[in-house]
């Protein structure tokens, strides 16, 4: 205890002397227009623990790695502490851990922002305004990098001479004297949503119709997202309204050019991201007796699509996020049509239900949700990928599920 107090005293003494030197330098300046500078004079410490979407990290046996679902993994953690006025006080980036310990801070009113897997670096943002404006491209979102997440904007008052703890105080033994600022780990909310094709089946009068699937892709996907929300509430909006200069806001799995515009795609200058937002279905044959379902243990047919929020623009038909299937349809009476499309608006108003069959609390693509889609084909689709004509040829169910509601296909045989 005494050694700990002496260590803190010596650090504070050094910072105090430094603040005197800096103050004298500005006092001696002859320039009356020198801007006011906040001199960082630490007199307290901060320790913080974070968790993805309120989930706990499950410890494995002694000597083993933590057993963490890769969707929840925190590969990097960036804790930023700003003065009440918005200038950066101090920040810290750590890897492969969900906590920061003993960060030297200055007491008083602060604003704290926590990012995970966001690709940011220490001292990247000298103001809160710049941190809140930072956006990142969708192709960075993968399990290798970890899915990006952020906390709410935390407003707090740090106590002088104390260890200020944000998290379960029992997880920080030896941090004395201490004061609890948050009783639970700081919750981090993902910036992504997920689209899963759960099943494809087919109906026909004689039971002989079929659909051979060439490819599956998504369209009208926003290629950028803010990495934090300017909100003290959980799940603040992070939707990007504009791409960085020289880049495209809207991305497409296939057919991004103007020729393929239609009522469901009125946007030009999109960006094609076929590898990220589409896949080859390898001529998967769907018949009345052989529907397409995910492989055992998988969430989706083929692959899950990771997308960003699409909220504000979702009211416009041409800007709704789409799931599109392309293939060859045979009606069972000898008529075969190639290059047919079935176009599913993921976030069309009034078409989504929750897991209980009720109405979800939103009608757009919202981060940290899974959108599970079941398709039943009734007749030939459209010859255009962004044409609403195919809606008369199919029945669609879009189920909105909380992120922690995972529906994996199970082999019951």
Protein backbone atom coordinates (compact mmCIF):
# COMPACT_ATOMS: atom_id res chain seq x y z
CA UNK A 1 0.00 0.00 0.00
CA UNK A 2 2.77 2.48 0.99
CA UNK A 3 4.83 1.66 -2.12
CA UNK A 4 1.74 2.24 -4.29
CA UNK A 5 1.11 5.63 -2.69
CA UNK A 6 4.77 6.68 -3.09
CA UNK A 7 4.67 5.66 -6.78
CA UNK A 8 1.56 7.73 -7.42
CA UNK A 9 3.02 10.71 -5.51
CA UNK A 10 6.25 10.67 -7.53
CA UNK A 11 4.35 10.54 -10.84
CA UNK A 12 2.10 13.41 -9.81
CA UNK A 13 5.11 15.46 -8.66
CA UNK A 14 6.75 15.02 -12.07
CA UNK A 15 3.59 16.04 -13.91
CA UNK A 16 3.19 19.06 -11.60
CA UNK A 17 6.71 20.31 -12.35
CA UNK A 18 6.10 19.81 -16.07
CA UNK A 19 2.91 21.88 -15.91
CA UNK A 20 4.85 24.75 -14.24
CA UNK A 21 7.44 24.73 -17.03
CA UNK A 22 4.77 24.75 -19.74
CA UNK A 23 2.87 27.51 -17.98
CA UNK A 24 5.99 29.69 -17.71
CA UNK A 25 6.72 29.20 -21.40
CA UNK A 26 3.33 30.55 -22.37
CA UNK A 27 3.53 33.36 -19.80
CA UNK A 28 6.80 34.56 -21.35
CA UNK A 29 5.43 34.58 -24.88
CA UNK A 30 5.00 38.01 -26.44
CA UNK A 31 2.27 36.78 -28.78
CA UNK A 32 -1.06 37.85 -27.32
CA UNK A 33 -2.90 35.56 -29.74
CA UNK A 34 -1.52 32.31 -28.35
CA UNK A 35 -4.50 29.91 -28.09
CA UNK A 36 -5.53 28.57 -24.73
CA UNK A 37 -3.88 25.19 -24.14
CA UNK A 38 -5.13 22.58 -21.69
CA UNK A 39 -2.06 21.23 -19.93
CA UNK A 40 -2.40 17.57 -19.09
CA UNK A 41 -1.67 17.20 -15.35
CA UNK A 42 -2.58 13.66 -14.25
CA UNK A 43 -3.73 13.30 -10.68
CA UNK A 44 -5.72 10.04 -10.90
CA UNK A 45 -5.89 6.77 -12.81
CA UNK A 46 -8.57 5.02 -14.84
CA UNK A 47 -9.18 1.31 -15.39
CA UNK A 48 -11.84 0.04 -17.75
CA UNK A 49 -13.22 -3.28 -19.00
CA UNK A 50 -15.43 -3.73 -22.07
CA UNK A 51 -17.59 -6.52 -23.45
CA UNK A 52 -19.24 -7.14 -26.82
CA UNK A 53 -23.00 -6.64 -26.76
CA UNK A 54 -23.19 -7.28 -23.03
CA UNK A 55 -21.74 -10.78 -23.33
CA UNK A 56 -19.13 -12.11 -20.94
CA UNK A 57 -15.85 -13.59 -22.06
CA UNK A 58 -15.76 -17.26 -21.11
CA UNK A 59 -12.45 -18.40 -19.62
CA UNK A 60 -11.06 -21.73 -20.75
CA UNK A 61 -8.94 -24.00 -18.60
CA UNK A 62 -5.73 -22.78 -17.00
CA UNK A 63 -3.03 -22.21 -19.58
CA UNK A 64 -5.53 -22.21 -22.45
CA UNK A 65 -6.75 -19.31 -24.52
CA UNK A 66 -10.06 -17.65 -23.74
CA UNK A 67 -12.99 -19.35 -25.45
CA UNK A 68 -14.48 -16.42 -27.35
CA UNK A 69 -16.94 -16.52 -30.23
CA UNK A 70 -15.16 -14.78 -33.11
CA UNK A 71 -18.20 -12.55 -33.60
CA UNK A 72 -17.58 -11.21 -30.08
CA UNK A 73 -13.79 -11.13 -30.13
CA UNK A 74 -12.03 -7.92 -29.14
CA UNK A 75 -8.83 -7.91 -31.20
CA UNK A 76 -7.96 -4.31 -30.32
CA UNK A 77 -9.37 -1.83 -27.81
CA UNK A 78 -9.04 1.96 -28.03
CA UNK A 79 -9.98 3.96 -24.93
CA UNK A 80 -10.13 7.74 -25.41
CA UNK A 81 -10.57 10.26 -22.59
CA UNK A 82 -11.54 13.80 -23.59
CA UNK A 83 -11.85 16.96 -21.53
CA UNK A 84 -15.41 18.21 -21.11
CA UNK A 85 -14.71 20.75 -23.87
CA UNK A 86 -13.85 18.00 -26.35
CA UNK A 87 -10.04 18.12 -26.58
CA UNK A 88 -8.18 14.85 -26.13
CA UNK A 89 -6.75 14.34 -22.67
CA UNK A 90 -5.22 10.88 -23.12
CA UNK A 91 -5.88 7.68 -25.04
CA UNK A 92 -4.62 4.11 -25.10
CA UNK A 93 -4.73 1.25 -27.62
CA UNK A 94 -4.25 -2.34 -26.44
CA UNK A 95 -4.36 -5.63 -28.33
CA UNK A 96 -5.98 -8.99 -27.56
CA UNK A 97 -7.58 -7.83 -24.32
CA UNK A 98 -10.88 -6.33 -23.23
CA UNK A 99 -9.43 -3.98 -20.60
CA UNK A 100 -7.13 -1.06 -19.94
CA UNK A 101 -5.44 -0.75 -16.54
CA UNK A 102 -4.00 2.21 -14.64
CA UNK A 103 -4.30 4.84 -17.36
CA UNK A 104 -3.00 8.15 -16.00
CA UNK A 105 -5.77 10.75 -16.23
CA UNK A 106 -6.65 14.21 -15.00
CA UNK A 107 -9.55 14.48 -12.58
CA UNK A 108 -12.70 16.42 -13.36
CA UNK A 109 -15.45 16.24 -15.97
CA UNK A 110 -14.57 14.05 -18.96
CA UNK A 111 -16.11 12.29 -21.94
CA UNK A 112 -14.98 8.74 -22.66
CA UNK A 113 -15.26 6.84 -25.94
CA UNK A 114 -14.31 3.18 -26.40
CA UNK A 115 -13.76 1.57 -29.80
CA UNK A 116 -12.96 -2.06 -30.60
CA UNK A 117 -11.51 -3.47 -33.82
CA UNK A 118 -11.84 -0.08 -35.50
CA UNK A 119 -8.34 0.15 -36.98
CA UNK A 120 -7.53 3.32 -35.04
CA UNK A 121 -4.24 4.37 -33.43
CA UNK A 122 -3.19 6.35 -30.38
CA UNK A 123 -3.28 10.13 -30.87
CA UNK A 124 -5.19 9.73 -34.14
CA UNK A 125 -7.90 12.11 -32.91
CA UNK A 126 -7.02 15.27 -31.00
CA UNK A 127 -10.68 16.17 -30.50
CA UNK A 128 -13.90 14.32 -29.81
CA UNK A 129 -15.40 15.90 -32.91
CA UNK A 130 -12.80 14.22 -35.13
CA UNK A 131 -13.29 10.86 -33.42
CA UNK A 132 -17.05 11.02 -33.98
CA UNK A 133 -16.54 11.88 -37.67
CA UNK A 134 -14.24 8.91 -38.36
CA UNK A 135 -15.70 6.32 -40.74
CA UNK A 136 -14.40 3.03 -42.06
CA UNK A 137 -14.98 0.88 -45.16
CA UNK A 138 -17.07 -2.28 -45.08
CA UNK A 139 -14.33 -4.49 -46.52
CA UNK A 140 -12.43 -4.14 -43.22
CA UNK A 141 -15.20 -6.00 -41.41
CA UNK A 142 -14.19 -9.64 -41.03
CA UNK A 143 -13.36 -12.13 -38.30
CA UNK A 144 -9.62 -11.75 -38.83
CA UNK A 145 -9.79 -8.06 -37.94
CA UNK A 146 -12.66 -8.51 -35.53
CA UNK A 147 -15.99 -6.79 -36.13
CA UNK A 148 -15.90 -3.10 -35.22
CA UNK A 149 -17.79 -1.97 -32.13
CA UNK A 150 -18.18 1.14 -30.02
CA UNK A 151 -19.50 2.30 -26.67
CA UNK A 152 -21.98 5.04 -25.99
CA UNK A 153 -20.45 8.44 -25.25
CA UNK A 154 -19.71 8.17 -21.52
CA UNK A 155 -19.89 11.37 -19.47
CA UNK A 156 -18.23 11.09 -16.07
CA UNK A 157 -16.39 12.97 -13.35
CA UNK A 158 -13.04 11.47 -12.39
CA UNK A 159 -12.01 11.68 -8.74
CA UNK A 160 -8.62 13.14 -7.83
CA UNK A 161 -6.11 10.77 -6.23
CA UNK A 162 -8.27 7.72 -6.92
CA UNK A 163 -8.37 4.69 -9.17
CA UNK A 164 -11.53 5.39 -11.20
CA UNK A 165 -12.94 2.02 -12.26
CA UNK A 166 -15.35 1.41 -15.15
CA UNK A 167 -16.33 -2.24 -14.78
CA UNK A 168 -16.80 -4.77 -12.01
CA UNK A 169 -14.65 -3.47 -9.18
CA UNK A 170 -13.91 -7.06 -8.08
CA UNK A 171 -12.04 -7.58 -11.35
CA UNK A 172 -9.52 -4.90 -10.39
CA UNK A 173 -7.97 -6.07 -7.10
CA UNK A 174 -5.14 -3.97 -5.75
CA UNK A 175 -6.43 -0.78 -7.33
CA UNK A 176 -6.58 1.17 -4.08
CA UNK A 177 -7.94 3.61 -3.16
CA UNK A 178 -10.66 3.17 -5.73
CA UNK A 179 -14.05 4.48 -6.75
CA UNK A 180 -16.58 2.70 -8.95
CA UNK A 181 -17.83 4.75 -11.89
CA UNK A 182 -19.62 1.93 -13.75
CA UNK A 183 -20.63 -1.25 -11.97
CA UNK A 184 -20.59 -3.35 -15.13
CA UNK A 185 -18.21 -3.73 -18.06
CA UNK A 186 -18.71 -1.09 -20.74
CA UNK A 187 -21.04 -2.48 -23.41
CA UNK A 188 -19.79 -2.36 -27.00
CA UNK A 189 -22.31 -2.51 -29.84
CA UNK A 190 -21.39 -3.83 -33.28
CA UNK A 191 -21.60 -1.51 -36.28
CA UNK A 192 -22.57 -4.34 -38.64
CA UNK A 193 -25.78 -6.18 -39.43
CA UNK A 194 -26.01 -9.64 -40.99
CA UNK A 195 -28.17 -10.95 -43.85
CA UNK A 196 -28.77 -14.72 -43.97
CA UNK A 197 -30.53 -16.63 -46.74
CA UNK A 198 -32.21 -19.30 -44.62
CA UNK A 199 -34.00 -21.33 -47.28
CA UNK A 200 -35.02 -21.47 -50.93
CA UNK A 201 -37.96 -23.67 -51.93
CA UNK A 202 -40.18 -23.89 -55.02
CA UNK A 203 -43.87 -24.46 -55.68
CA UNK A 204 -45.62 -25.40 -58.93
CA UNK A 205 -48.91 -26.93 -60.02
CA UNK A 206 -47.36 -30.17 -61.22
CA UNK A 207 -44.45 -30.22 -58.76
CA UNK A 208 -41.88 -30.35 -61.57
CA UNK A 209 -40.60 -26.77 -61.59
CA UNK A 210 -36.97 -26.10 -60.71
CA UNK A 211 -34.56 -23.24 -60.23
CA UNK A 212 -30.82 -23.67 -60.82
CA UNK A 213 -29.04 -20.93 -58.89
CA UNK A 214 -26.02 -19.28 -60.49
CA UNK A 215 -25.26 -16.62 -57.89
CA UNK A 216 -26.52 -14.79 -54.82
CA UNK A 217 -25.62 -11.19 -54.04
CA UNK A 218 -26.67 -8.12 -52.10
CA UNK A 219 -27.07 -4.58 -53.42
CA UNK A 220 -27.73 -1.05 -52.18
CA UNK A 221 -25.31 -1.69 -49.33
CA UNK A 222 -23.62 1.24 -47.66
CA UNK A 223 -19.87 0.83 -47.99
CA UNK A 224 -18.97 3.03 -45.01
CA UNK A 225 -20.04 3.50 -41.41
CA UNK A 226 -19.15 5.88 -38.64
CA UNK A 227 -17.17 4.12 -35.93
CA UNK A 228 -19.00 5.81 -33.04
CA UNK A 229 -22.27 7.56 -32.28
CA UNK A 230 -22.65 11.03 -30.82
CA UNK A 231 -25.04 9.77 -28.18
CA UNK A 232 -24.98 8.99 -24.47
CA UNK A 233 -27.57 6.26 -25.15
CA UNK A 234 -26.79 2.72 -26.28
CA UNK A 235 -27.06 1.94 -30.00
CA UNK A 236 -26.79 5.49 -31.27
CA UNK A 237 -26.95 5.90 -35.05
CA UNK A 238 -23.67 5.35 -36.92
CA UNK A 239 -25.03 5.43 -40.47
CA UNK A 240 -22.80 7.15 -43.02
CA UNK A 241 -24.47 9.79 -45.18
CA UNK A 242 -21.49 10.43 -47.45
CA UNK A 243 -18.41 8.45 -48.48
CA UNK A 244 -14.91 9.87 -48.07
CA UNK A 245 -13.78 11.97 -51.02
CA UNK A 246 -13.09 9.88 -54.10
CA UNK A 247 -15.08 6.86 -52.86
CA UNK A 248 -18.58 5.46 -53.43
CA UNK A 249 -21.14 5.25 -50.65
CA UNK A 250 -23.22 2.50 -52.27
CA UNK A 251 -21.80 -0.96 -52.99
CA UNK A 252 -23.18 -3.85 -55.06
CA UNK A 253 -22.42 -7.55 -55.28
CA UNK A 254 -23.13 -7.51 -59.05
CA UNK A 255 -24.51 -5.16 -61.71
CA UNK A 256 -23.50 -1.80 -60.35
CA UNK A 257 -23.59 0.13 -63.63
CA UNK A 258 -26.29 2.46 -64.90
CA UNK A 259 -27.66 -0.06 -67.40
CA UNK A 260 -29.08 -2.10 -64.56
CA UNK A 261 -30.80 0.78 -62.82
CA UNK A 262 -34.48 0.30 -62.08
CA UNK A 263 -37.10 1.18 -59.51
CA UNK A 264 -35.13 -0.69 -56.86
CA UNK A 265 -31.84 0.88 -57.87
CA UNK A 266 -31.91 4.53 -58.81
CA UNK A 267 -28.39 5.26 -57.63
CA UNK A 268 -25.53 5.70 -60.06
CA UNK A 269 -21.74 5.66 -59.48
CA UNK A 270 -21.91 2.60 -57.25
CA UNK A 271 -18.99 0.32 -56.52
CA UNK A 272 -18.87 -3.38 -57.44
CA UNK A 273 -17.66 -5.64 -54.62
CA UNK A 274 -18.46 -9.09 -55.99
CA UNK A 275 -16.14 -11.07 -53.73
CA UNK A 276 -17.42 -9.37 -50.61
CA UNK A 277 -21.11 -9.00 -51.40
CA UNK A 278 -21.84 -12.02 -53.56
CA UNK A 279 -20.98 -15.66 -54.16
CA UNK A 280 -21.19 -18.33 -56.84
CA UNK A 281 -23.95 -20.82 -55.99
CA UNK A 282 -22.37 -23.50 -58.22
CA UNK A 283 -25.60 -24.36 -60.05
CA UNK A 284 -27.46 -25.34 -56.90
CA UNK A 285 -30.63 -27.09 -58.11
CA UNK A 286 -33.80 -26.34 -56.15
CA UNK A 287 -36.84 -28.56 -56.73
CA UNK A 288 -40.08 -29.20 -54.87
CA UNK A 289 -38.48 -32.19 -53.18
CA UNK A 290 -35.04 -30.63 -52.69
CA UNK A 291 -35.09 -27.16 -51.10
CA UNK A 292 -31.87 -25.31 -50.35
CA UNK A 293 -31.01 -25.01 -46.69
CA UNK A 294 -27.79 -24.14 -44.84
CA UNK A 295 -25.23 -26.86 -44.27
CA UNK A 296 -25.26 -28.36 -40.78
CA UNK A 297 -23.94 -25.85 -38.26
CA UNK A 298 -24.09 -22.93 -40.70
CA UNK A 299 -26.18 -19.77 -40.42
CA UNK A 300 -27.00 -19.29 -44.10
CA UNK A 301 -27.15 -20.88 -47.52
CA UNK A 302 -23.74 -20.29 -49.04
CA UNK A 303 -22.54 -17.45 -46.81
CA UNK A 304 -23.76 -14.71 -44.50
CA UNK A 305 -23.53 -11.13 -45.75
CA UNK A 306 -22.11 -8.45 -43.48
CA UNK A 307 -23.60 -5.01 -44.14
CA UNK A 308 -23.73 -1.57 -42.53
CA UNK A 309 -26.76 0.38 -41.36
CA UNK A 310 -29.22 1.62 -43.98
CA UNK A 311 -31.80 3.64 -42.10
CA UNK A 312 -32.47 7.12 -43.44
CA UNK A 313 -32.47 6.14 -47.11
CA UNK A 314 -34.54 2.99 -46.63
CA UNK A 315 -37.82 4.83 -47.27
CA UNK A 316 -36.80 5.25 -50.93
CA UNK A 317 -37.44 2.12 -53.04
CA UNK A 318 -34.20 2.60 -54.95
CA UNK A 319 -32.11 2.70 -51.80
CA UNK A 320 -33.36 -0.30 -49.87
CA UNK A 321 -30.84 -3.03 -49.22
CA UNK A 322 -31.52 -5.99 -51.52
CA UNK A 323 -30.83 -9.73 -51.59
CA UNK A 324 -30.87 -11.03 -55.18
CA UNK A 325 -30.80 -14.57 -56.57
CA UNK A 326 -29.90 -15.20 -60.23
CA UNK A 327 -30.38 -18.47 -62.10
CA UNK A 328 -32.32 -20.56 -64.61
CA UNK A 329 -36.02 -21.27 -64.06
CA UNK A 330 -37.84 -24.27 -65.55
CA UNK A 331 -41.64 -24.34 -65.19
CA UNK A 332 -42.04 -28.11 -65.43
CA UNK A 333 -43.80 -27.95 -68.81
CA UNK A 334 -40.67 -27.75 -70.93
CA UNK A 335 -40.16 -23.99 -70.80
CA UNK A 336 -36.70 -22.95 -69.60
CA UNK A 337 -35.65 -19.33 -68.96
CA UNK A 338 -32.07 -18.36 -68.15
CA UNK A 339 -30.87 -15.23 -66.35
CA UNK A 340 -33.93 -14.85 -64.12
CA UNK A 341 -33.74 -12.73 -60.99
CA UNK A 342 -35.59 -12.81 -57.67
CA UNK A 343 -35.11 -9.50 -55.88
CA UNK A 344 -35.86 -9.28 -52.17
CA UNK A 345 -35.91 -5.89 -50.38
CA UNK A 346 -34.47 -6.69 -46.95
CA UNK A 347 -35.87 -3.58 -45.31
CA UNK A 348 -39.09 -2.83 -47.18
CA UNK A 349 -41.64 -1.11 -44.96
CA UNK A 350 -44.06 -3.49 -43.28
CA UNK A 351 -42.55 -6.73 -44.61
CA UNK A 352 -40.41 -7.75 -41.63
CA UNK A 353 -41.41 -9.73 -38.54
CA UNK A 354 -39.61 -10.52 -35.33
CA UNK A 355 -38.83 -14.00 -34.02
CA UNK A 356 -42.29 -14.22 -32.41
CA UNK A 357 -44.11 -13.20 -35.58
CA UNK A 358 -44.80 -9.68 -34.35
CA UNK A 359 -43.75 -6.32 -35.72
CA UNK A 360 -40.11 -5.38 -35.02
CA UNK A 361 -39.26 -1.99 -33.55
CA UNK A 362 -37.66 -0.83 -36.81
CA UNK A 363 -38.19 -1.16 -40.56
CA UNK A 364 -34.68 -0.63 -41.86
CA UNK A 365 -31.30 -2.34 -41.70
CA UNK A 366 -30.10 -1.64 -38.17
CA UNK A 367 -26.74 -2.54 -36.76
CA UNK A 368 -26.34 -5.48 -34.40
CA UNK A 369 -29.30 -7.40 -35.87
CA UNK A 370 -29.58 -10.48 -38.07
CA UNK A 371 -32.01 -10.49 -41.01
CA UNK A 372 -33.03 -14.07 -41.84
CA UNK A 373 -34.72 -14.57 -45.21
CA UNK A 374 -36.79 -17.49 -46.49
CA UNK A 375 -37.76 -17.54 -50.18
CA UNK A 376 -40.46 -19.59 -51.89
CA UNK A 377 -40.43 -19.39 -55.71
CA UNK A 378 -43.84 -19.62 -57.42
CA UNK A 379 -43.04 -18.78 -61.05
CA UNK A 380 -40.42 -17.26 -63.35
CA UNK A 381 -38.73 -14.15 -61.99
CA UNK A 382 -37.66 -10.95 -63.74
CA UNK A 383 -35.05 -10.43 -66.44
CA UNK A 384 -33.65 -7.46 -64.48
CA UNK A 385 -31.97 -7.66 -61.05
CA UNK A 386 -33.48 -4.47 -59.62
CA UNK A 387 -37.05 -4.84 -60.88
CA UNK A 388 -40.00 -5.22 -58.46
CA UNK A 389 -41.77 -7.42 -61.05
CA UNK A 390 -40.30 -10.53 -59.43
CA UNK A 391 -42.30 -9.92 -56.25
CA UNK A 392 -45.39 -11.45 -57.87
CA UNK A 393 -43.35 -14.59 -58.54
CA UNK A 394 -42.36 -15.40 -54.96
CA UNK A 395 -43.28 -15.43 -51.29
CA UNK A 396 -40.75 -13.98 -48.89
CA UNK A 397 -40.39 -13.98 -45.11
CA UNK A 398 -37.86 -11.62 -43.50
CA UNK A 399 -37.34 -12.31 -39.82
CA UNK A 400 -35.44 -9.82 -37.67
CA UNK A 401 -33.47 -11.47 -34.87
CA UNK A 402 -31.36 -10.07 -32.06
CA UNK A 403 -27.68 -10.71 -32.62
CA UNK A 404 -27.50 -13.26 -29.80
CA UNK A 405 -30.35 -15.29 -31.34
CA UNK A 406 -28.34 -17.70 -33.49
CA UNK A 407 -30.32 -20.10 -35.68
CA UNK A 408 -27.91 -22.70 -36.99
CA UNK A 409 -29.18 -25.48 -39.21
CA UNK A 410 -29.22 -28.82 -37.39
CA UNK A 411 -29.08 -32.24 -39.01
CA UNK A 412 -31.97 -34.15 -37.46
CA UNK A 413 -31.39 -37.37 -39.37
